[in-house]
């Protein structure tokens, strides 16, 4: 393949058509995942679709569909609607036959699986057709039930297994006995042109200020992430109460951060978890900080949302495979406070590109927020500059795309091995 993007964004290594047995066809890569609604897995799928298309390959994506199908098509890919959003064993078996038919009809060279249930269907289909099978291990999968390790093991069955972080790579080796030579650590990335603090206009900030109902001069502490309990929203609400000197609805003299009208903003969809969202509101009411809490749902302008943030918080109580919102905030040169576990341990260098705090510790989070807000303007600028520089060195979409195309080249180069 010959890359078609401009030099500043194109993958540097083309996906070579010569790697195909025919030598004349464009390699066909099929990515499979449950659906295309929202989330980091879905965004990575779109970004790799773009890379394949730009490198003159054929990019196919199979899923049950969703609102991001249009993004796949805009990126140069083609979407195939299949009911891959089910964990039913019989449905997984039927989906294997459906994927086998797609592989044969479209002459697919590589199937890239990004989630467990579709991966089982894809693995079976690849065994039947002899095409290459690659996986990306996006998550930290639980093993609380006896059969779970075997169910999870499909994500370790790729000829090459892509891990979103060194943390995940170590888990794959420990839990599934995968040799280090079969694992490629490819972190997620951000587009430094889109996530550029200098590119966000005052009008975009003003629009969000109105939409979020922020008081004039308010200090904003923002937690981006879908509304689910392990993302740590309750921890931030408790930290907010500590910051503003409230305890179960009663003022605590001497504890309020002087001169600051602090507002905590939770940015992300509840994805139907209306009871959880309501529980967060009740918690804020009980702590006397409901007037300082905003649940704003999805945001269509995350660069502006992050620039509007005085502090960006990652408060997850379970280890995340990577944590893309952290590097997005760092790319926007914002002060970031992250829970000290999982992927953010690798992306946030404590006291250099951000701060890390013990997960689930509201007191430590409140203290870290207060510390960041007390920094001088020069110190805040220096922290943000160091964070953005780190992202530009290590965590860009271009780097992720190049590394993934290298994986495709590697498996195609094996031929019939």
Foldseek 3Di string as FASTA:
>chain_A
DAADDPPVFAQPDALQCCLDPVSPAAAEEEEEDAEQADDDLNVLLLLLLLRSVRSVHAYEYEYQYYDCQVSSVVSPYYYDHDNQNDQPPVSLCVLLVVVLVVCVVVVHQEYEYEDQSVLSSVVSSCVVVVHFYEYEPFWDFDDPDPCRLVSSCSQVPGQAREFQAVVVVVVCCVSPVRDPVRYDYFHAFAALVLLELVPDDPVLLVVVCVLQVPDVPAAEEEEEDADDVQQALLLQLLLVLQQQQFAQQDHHPPRHDPPHRYAYEYEAANVPVVVSVVVSLVSNVRRNNNVRYTDRHHDPRVSSVLSNHQEYERQGQDAGSADVVQLSSLSNLHAYEYECHHRVVVLDDDPQQHHYDHHPNSNRVSVRVSVSVPDDPVSSNRNSVRSSVSSVVGHHSSSSNNVVSVVSSVVSNVPSD
